[in-house]
Every structure is written in structure tokens, then in C-alpha cells.
């Protein structure tokens, strides 16, 4: 069982994921839901929650996610500790030179090289977590000083991916 805290707008919920038997069992606020997630095209999914089908697209923008569920956009932040939004904001302010993984997963690709100039929101790496691929983007414009990961590498939550200057 893996536990995350997700902030959507001003609301923060606790989510527990158990990827048993190909389905996700997600507990939000004490209510368990059976979830099946199928990627249709990159970043676009069919989400079946307790038998009801939804369309979901996911965009990762510099640590914050934009989730579009059935045509409605939601800004979401995901963390492994409570107070996801406040933790992410404090962390970004304190360590704006470091780009870190938002959750555990696997590096699929590194999109930039050391010494390369990047713009705010430019993809630095692609990671996969919970059957979804997401781009990890530059929180600000700068130069990549060091890449700390490579394709196929397993990531812990909040693991250092790149150092920027």
C-alpha cells in the first residue's frame, strides 16, 4: 500500500493505492474505490471508478499537475507527506536550484543534457508512476548543471533529478 496526499485547489485528500490484480484500490477520505486506469495515448487515459467511465488527461508543469477530468480542469499537487501544497511551495522556495521527483517511479527518458539552457516549464525528464507517464519540468529558466538520474532508474519520492543554475 502506498500513501499520497493530493491537494486539488484548496482541498487536500489522503490517497492510498494498492495495485493488486491489475486494478488500483484507492482510498480517499476513508472511502475505498476500485479504479482501472488505461492509457489511450500518452497523457490521456480512460479512468473507470466503481464501474463509471471518465476521460482523464494529465499535464505536469514544474511540479504542479493539471488534471482534466471529463472536461473540467483541476490543479493538483502530489506529495508523500501531508500538506502537499504547502510542502511543495516551501521546498521550491528553499531549493529552487534542485529538480526533484514528485513521487516514486521510474525514469523513462532524460530530455536535456548537462550544460543545456532550459526555459521555465521545459521538460527535463519523463518518469512513469502508477501506470502514467509524466514530464518533470524546469521550475525556472536556467542552465542544467548536473543530471543525477538515467533511463530505467527507479526513483524515490522527492529524489534529486537535476541541479539547475
C-alpha atoms as a PDB file:
ATOM      1  CA  UNK A   1       0.000   0.000   0.000  1.00  0.00           C
ATOM      2  CA  UNK A   2       1.390   3.399  -0.998  1.00  0.00           C
ATOM      3  CA  UNK A   3       0.066   6.592   0.574  1.00  0.00           C
ATOM      4  CA  UNK A   4      -0.018  10.047  -1.044  1.00  0.00           C
ATOM      5  CA  UNK A   5      -1.549  13.372  -0.140  1.00  0.00           C
ATOM      6  CA  UNK A   6      -3.098  15.211  -3.041  1.00  0.00           C
ATOM      7  CA  UNK A   7      -4.047  18.887  -2.997  1.00  0.00           C
ATOM      8  CA  UNK A   8      -6.664  19.797  -5.601  1.00  0.00           C
ATOM      9  CA  UNK A   9      -7.406  23.508  -5.396  1.00  0.00           C
ATOM     10  CA  UNK A  10      -7.764  24.295  -1.675  1.00  0.00           C
ATOM     11  CA  UNK A  11      -8.720  20.736  -0.687  1.00  0.00           C
ATOM     12  CA  UNK A  12      -6.165  18.143   0.406  1.00  0.00           C
ATOM     13  CA  UNK A  13      -7.055  14.440   0.465  1.00  0.00           C
ATOM     14  CA  UNK A  14      -5.215  11.313   1.525  1.00  0.00           C
ATOM     15  CA  UNK A  15      -4.968   8.661  -1.179  1.00  0.00           C
ATOM     16  CA  UNK A  16      -3.878   5.052  -0.599  1.00  0.00           C
ATOM     17  CA  UNK A  17      -3.073   2.935  -3.632  1.00  0.00           C
ATOM     18  CA  UNK A  18      -2.857  -0.846  -3.680  1.00  0.00           C
ATOM     19  CA  UNK A  19      -2.080  -2.064  -7.224  1.00  0.00           C
ATOM     20  CA  UNK A  20      -3.454  -5.609  -6.648  1.00  0.00           C
ATOM     21  CA  UNK A  21      -4.779  -7.730  -9.524  1.00  0.00           C
ATOM     22  CA  UNK A  22      -4.252  -5.040 -12.166  1.00  0.00           C
ATOM     23  CA  UNK A  23      -6.695  -2.653 -10.508  1.00  0.00           C
ATOM     24  CA  UNK A  24      -5.986   0.230  -8.208  1.00  0.00           C
ATOM     25  CA  UNK A  25      -7.805   0.331  -4.902  1.00  0.00           C
ATOM     26  CA  UNK A  26      -7.827   3.999  -3.988  1.00  0.00           C
ATOM     27  CA  UNK A  27      -8.971   5.230  -0.601  1.00  0.00           C
ATOM     28  CA  UNK A  28      -9.875   8.898  -0.480  1.00  0.00           C
ATOM     29  CA  UNK A  29     -11.048  10.276   2.839  1.00  0.00           C
ATOM     30  CA  UNK A  30     -11.825   6.791   4.125  1.00  0.00           C
ATOM     31  CA  UNK A  31     -13.967   5.775   1.121  1.00  0.00           C
ATOM     32  CA  UNK A  32     -12.478   2.929  -0.961  1.00  0.00           C
ATOM     33  CA  UNK A  33     -12.891   2.998  -4.750  1.00  0.00           C
ATOM     34  CA  UNK A  34     -11.987   0.409  -7.414  1.00  0.00           C
ATOM     35  CA  UNK A  35     -10.083   2.235 -10.151  1.00  0.00           C
ATOM     36  CA  UNK A  36      -8.953   0.960 -13.528  1.00  0.00           C
ATOM     37  CA  UNK A  37      -6.626   3.247 -15.473  1.00  0.00           C
ATOM     38  CA  UNK A  38      -5.917   2.639 -19.162  1.00  0.00           C
ATOM     39  CA  UNK A  39      -3.625   4.896 -21.186  1.00  0.00           C
ATOM     40  CA  UNK A  40      -5.258   5.684 -24.546  1.00  0.00           C
ATOM     41  CA  UNK A  41      -2.469   7.909 -25.884  1.00  0.00           C
ATOM     42  CA  UNK A  42       0.409   9.495 -23.918  1.00  0.00           C
ATOM     43  CA  UNK A  43      -1.029  11.587 -21.050  1.00  0.00           C
ATOM     44  CA  UNK A  44      -4.633  10.650 -21.930  1.00  0.00           C
ATOM     45  CA  UNK A  45      -6.472   7.930 -20.012  1.00  0.00           C
ATOM     46  CA  UNK A  46      -9.750   6.147 -19.574  1.00  0.00           C
ATOM     47  CA  UNK A  47     -10.495   6.086 -15.859  1.00  0.00           C
ATOM     48  CA  UNK A  48     -13.111   3.646 -14.562  1.00  0.00           C
ATOM     49  CA  UNK A  49     -14.136   4.347 -10.956  1.00  0.00           C
ATOM     50  CA  UNK A  50     -16.566   1.851  -9.408  1.00  0.00           C
ATOM     51  CA  UNK A  51     -17.878   0.996 -12.899  1.00  0.00           C
ATOM     52  CA  UNK A  52     -18.295   4.605 -14.101  1.00  0.00           C
ATOM     53  CA  UNK A  53     -16.066   5.680 -17.022  1.00  0.00           C
ATOM     54  CA  UNK A  54     -14.316   9.062 -17.133  1.00  0.00           C
ATOM     55  CA  UNK A  55     -11.871  10.761 -19.516  1.00  0.00           C
ATOM     56  CA  UNK A  56      -8.651  11.956 -17.862  1.00  0.00           C
ATOM     57  CA  UNK A  57      -5.693  13.881 -19.253  1.00  0.00           C
ATOM     58  CA  UNK A  58      -2.626  14.704 -17.189  1.00  0.00           C
ATOM     59  CA  UNK A  59      -0.122  17.526 -17.685  1.00  0.00           C
ATOM     60  CA  UNK A  60       2.836  18.105 -15.379  1.00  0.00           C
ATOM     61  CA  UNK A  61       4.010  21.709 -15.241  1.00  0.00           C
ATOM     62  CA  UNK A  62       7.007  22.398 -12.986  1.00  0.00           C
ATOM     63  CA  UNK A  63       5.769  20.314 -10.063  1.00  0.00           C
ATOM     64  CA  UNK A  64       2.063  21.137 -10.307  1.00  0.00           C
ATOM     65  CA  UNK A  65      -0.232  18.920 -12.336  1.00  0.00           C
ATOM     66  CA  UNK A  66      -3.199  19.920 -14.436  1.00  0.00           C
ATOM     67  CA  UNK A  67      -5.777  17.136 -14.430  1.00  0.00           C
ATOM     68  CA  UNK A  68      -8.625  17.406 -16.905  1.00  0.00           C
ATOM     69  CA  UNK A  69     -11.421  15.097 -15.767  1.00  0.00           C
ATOM     70  CA  UNK A  70     -14.437  14.924 -18.084  1.00  0.00           C
ATOM     71  CA  UNK A  71     -13.617  18.379 -19.484  1.00  0.00           C
ATOM     72  CA  UNK A  72     -13.046  20.148 -16.142  1.00  0.00           C
ATOM     73  CA  UNK A  73      -9.510  21.296 -15.250  1.00  0.00           C
ATOM     74  CA  UNK A  74      -8.071  20.785 -11.782  1.00  0.00           C
ATOM     75  CA  UNK A  75      -4.689  21.911 -10.477  1.00  0.00           C
ATOM     76  CA  UNK A  76      -3.171  19.173  -8.311  1.00  0.00           C
ATOM     77  CA  UNK A  77      -0.026  18.716  -6.256  1.00  0.00           C
ATOM     78  CA  UNK A  78       1.039  15.289  -5.029  1.00  0.00           C
ATOM     79  CA  UNK A  79       3.332  14.526  -2.098  1.00  0.00           C
ATOM     80  CA  UNK A  80       4.275  11.620   0.161  1.00  0.00           C
ATOM     81  CA  UNK A  81       3.638  13.702   3.286  1.00  0.00           C
ATOM     82  CA  UNK A  82       0.635  15.707   4.496  1.00  0.00           C
ATOM     83  CA  UNK A  83       0.149  19.338   3.486  1.00  0.00           C
ATOM     84  CA  UNK A  84       1.223  18.690  -0.107  1.00  0.00           C
ATOM     85  CA  UNK A  85       0.758  22.203  -1.417  1.00  0.00           C
ATOM     86  CA  UNK A  86       2.462  23.969   1.465  1.00  0.00           C
ATOM     87  CA  UNK A  87       5.334  21.433   1.449  1.00  0.00           C
ATOM     88  CA  UNK A  88       5.867  21.828  -2.291  1.00  0.00           C
ATOM     89  CA  UNK A  89       5.834  25.645  -2.079  1.00  0.00           C
ATOM     90  CA  UNK A  90       8.296  25.727   0.843  1.00  0.00           C
ATOM     91  CA  UNK A  91      10.502  23.141  -0.832  1.00  0.00           C
ATOM     92  CA  UNK A  92      10.563  25.041  -4.139  1.00  0.00           C
ATOM     93  CA  UNK A  93      11.431  28.324  -2.427  1.00  0.00           C
ATOM     94  CA  UNK A  94      14.172  26.758  -0.293  1.00  0.00           C
ATOM     95  CA  UNK A  95      15.742  24.650  -3.061  1.00  0.00           C
ATOM     96  CA  UNK A  96      14.898  26.315  -6.351  1.00  0.00           C
ATOM     97  CA  UNK A  97      18.155  25.001  -7.838  1.00  0.00           C
ATOM     98  CA  UNK A  98      17.049  21.360  -7.487  1.00  0.00           C
ATOM     99  CA  UNK A  99      14.518  19.480  -9.605  1.00  0.00           C
ATOM    100  CA  UNK A 100      13.053  16.512  -7.716  1.00  0.00           C
ATOM    101  CA  UNK A 101      10.665  13.657  -8.453  1.00  0.00           C
ATOM    102  CA  UNK A 102       7.105  14.322  -7.238  1.00  0.00           C
ATOM    103  CA  UNK A 103       6.558  10.631  -6.344  1.00  0.00           C
ATOM    104  CA  UNK A 104       8.181   7.204  -6.646  1.00  0.00           C
ATOM    105  CA  UNK A 105       8.520   5.877 -10.170  1.00  0.00           C
ATOM    106  CA  UNK A 106      10.957   5.004 -12.953  1.00  0.00           C
ATOM    107  CA  UNK A 107      12.880   7.327 -15.285  1.00  0.00           C
ATOM    108  CA  UNK A 108      11.702   6.713 -18.858  1.00  0.00           C
ATOM    109  CA  UNK A 109      13.905   9.323 -20.558  1.00  0.00           C
ATOM    110  CA  UNK A 110      16.103  12.319 -19.831  1.00  0.00           C
ATOM    111  CA  UNK A 111      15.207  15.175 -22.189  1.00  0.00           C
ATOM    112  CA  UNK A 112      18.156  17.544 -21.584  1.00  0.00           C
ATOM    113  CA  UNK A 113      21.893  17.354 -21.064  1.00  0.00           C
ATOM    114  CA  UNK A 114      24.313  18.930 -18.640  1.00  0.00           C
ATOM    115  CA  UNK A 115      25.220  22.481 -19.644  1.00  0.00           C
ATOM    116  CA  UNK A 116      21.994  22.888 -21.643  1.00  0.00           C
ATOM    117  CA  UNK A 117      19.912  26.053 -21.226  1.00  0.00           C
ATOM    118  CA  UNK A 118      16.237  25.416 -20.374  1.00  0.00           C
ATOM    119  CA  UNK A 119      13.169  27.622 -20.170  1.00  0.00           C
ATOM    120  CA  UNK A 120      10.518  27.618 -17.443  1.00  0.00           C
ATOM    121  CA  UNK A 121       8.270  24.578 -17.946  1.00  0.00           C
ATOM    122  CA  UNK A 122      10.601  22.804 -20.387  1.00  0.00           C
ATOM    123  CA  UNK A 123      10.684  19.014 -19.965  1.00  0.00           C
ATOM    124  CA  UNK A 124      13.792  17.797 -18.145  1.00  0.00           C
ATOM    125  CA  UNK A 125      12.850  14.130 -17.783  1.00  0.00           C
ATOM    126  CA  UNK A 126       9.952  11.751 -18.308  1.00  0.00           C
ATOM    127  CA  UNK A 127       9.032   9.399 -15.492  1.00  0.00           C
ATOM    128  CA  UNK A 128       6.420   6.690 -15.081  1.00  0.00           C
ATOM    129  CA  UNK A 129       4.434   6.222 -11.884  1.00  0.00           C
ATOM    130  CA  UNK A 130       1.178   4.354 -11.240  1.00  0.00           C
ATOM    131  CA  UNK A 131       0.913   3.402 -14.953  1.00  0.00           C
ATOM    132  CA  UNK A 132       1.122   7.065 -16.020  1.00  0.00           C
ATOM    133  CA  UNK A 133       3.956   8.872 -17.745  1.00  0.00           C
ATOM    134  CA  UNK A 134       4.615  12.449 -16.745  1.00  0.00           C
ATOM    135  CA  UNK A 135       7.070  15.117 -17.738  1.00  0.00           C
ATOM    136  CA  UNK A 136       9.191  16.633 -14.998  1.00  0.00           C
ATOM    137  CA  UNK A 137       9.625  20.264 -15.994  1.00  0.00           C
ATOM    138  CA  UNK A 138      12.038  23.064 -15.171  1.00  0.00           C
ATOM    139  CA  UNK A 139      10.678  25.242 -12.338  1.00  0.00           C
ATOM    140  CA  UNK A 140      12.501  28.281 -13.791  1.00  0.00           C
ATOM    141  CA  UNK A 141      14.761  29.237 -16.663  1.00  0.00           C
ATOM    142  CA  UNK A 142      18.412  28.367 -16.211  1.00  0.00           C
ATOM    143  CA  UNK A 143      21.212  26.005 -17.118  1.00  0.00           C
ATOM    144  CA  UNK A 144      21.309  22.304 -16.228  1.00  0.00           C
ATOM    145  CA  UNK A 145      24.388  21.947 -14.030  1.00  0.00           C
ATOM    146  CA  UNK A 146      24.067  18.209 -13.419  1.00  0.00           C
ATOM    147  CA  UNK A 147      21.744  15.309 -14.277  1.00  0.00           C
ATOM    148  CA  UNK A 148      21.557  12.857 -11.355  1.00  0.00           C
ATOM    149  CA  UNK A 149      19.472  10.066 -12.963  1.00  0.00           C
ATOM    150  CA  UNK A 150      19.310   7.951 -16.091  1.00  0.00           C
ATOM    151  CA  UNK A 151      16.716   5.975 -18.074  1.00  0.00           C
ATOM    152  CA  UNK A 152      15.473   2.866 -16.275  1.00  0.00           C
ATOM    153  CA  UNK A 153      16.477   4.141 -12.845  1.00  0.00           C
ATOM    154  CA  UNK A 154      13.957   3.696 -10.032  1.00  0.00           C
ATOM    155  CA  UNK A 155      13.071   6.880  -8.182  1.00  0.00           C
ATOM    156  CA  UNK A 156      12.022   7.590  -4.629  1.00  0.00           C
ATOM    157  CA  UNK A 157       9.627  10.426  -3.846  1.00  0.00           C
ATOM    158  CA  UNK A 158      11.474  13.748  -3.688  1.00  0.00           C
ATOM    159  CA  UNK A 159      14.645  12.236  -5.224  1.00  0.00           C
ATOM    160  CA  UNK A 160      17.050  14.702  -6.848  1.00  0.00           C
ATOM    161  CA  UNK A 161      16.781  14.509 -10.666  1.00  0.00           C
ATOM    162  CA  UNK A 162      18.743  17.549 -11.801  1.00  0.00           C
ATOM    163  CA  UNK A 163      20.567  20.576 -10.460  1.00  0.00           C
ATOM    164  CA  UNK A 164      19.977  23.906 -12.193  1.00  0.00           C
ATOM    165  CA  UNK A 165      21.696  27.252 -12.100  1.00  0.00           C
END
